[in-house]
Amino acid sequence: MKTVILCCASLEKEVRLAMARKEISYPLHILTDNNHDVPNRLREAIQRELDGIRDADRVLMAFGTCGGAMVGLSTGNFQLILPRVDDCLSLLMGSMEQRYAALQGGFGIFLTESWLSSSRSMERELERIRRVYPPKRAETIIRLMYRNFDSLNVIDTGAYPGLLHTSPSPRDPKTSRMP
């Protein structure tokens, strides 16, 4: 049975590490379209990738349900296997329950090295806001964006050498490192 993995670019290093540790050599298709915030566009990009997969019996999806982006996907002559998690953070943390338990009833931002270096990272978004808006308005927008968060959490997936460094959020919440 031929298995293929379709992986979100934000999980590529983690998936490659897991494959290496388990000595798995399935073909790996990386979805580089950065559409996490627009589920319909993400669904379209995933569907294009699925439509291009040939000669597979099974496609393992390294994605969460991503805001409903998986609803309505159709497959060729292969089985599509998707983890039952809301997004990649829950996938990296083991389950939605573990993710929410880590917040201890609060609201937090979770980061990985991959997310920090992406084109849609928090740092790049803050830079964009500061470029587009006058300084006072930019700071107001940033405060409003992060006002409900009380923690900044780095998920150490083991896929990146060295320590992960983060900057505090505008509200200076507690910062923690999640194993």
Foldseek 3Di string as FASTA:
>chain_A
DAEEEEEEQLCVLLVVVVCVVVVHDHHYHYQDDDQLVPLCVLLVSVLVVQVPDPDHAEYEYLWECRVVSVPPRDHDNHHYHYDHAHTNVQVLQVHPVSVVVVCVPAAEAEEEPSLCPDCPHPVNVLVVLPVPDPPVVSLVVQCVVCVRHQEYEYECSVSDPDDDDDDAGPVRHHYYYHD
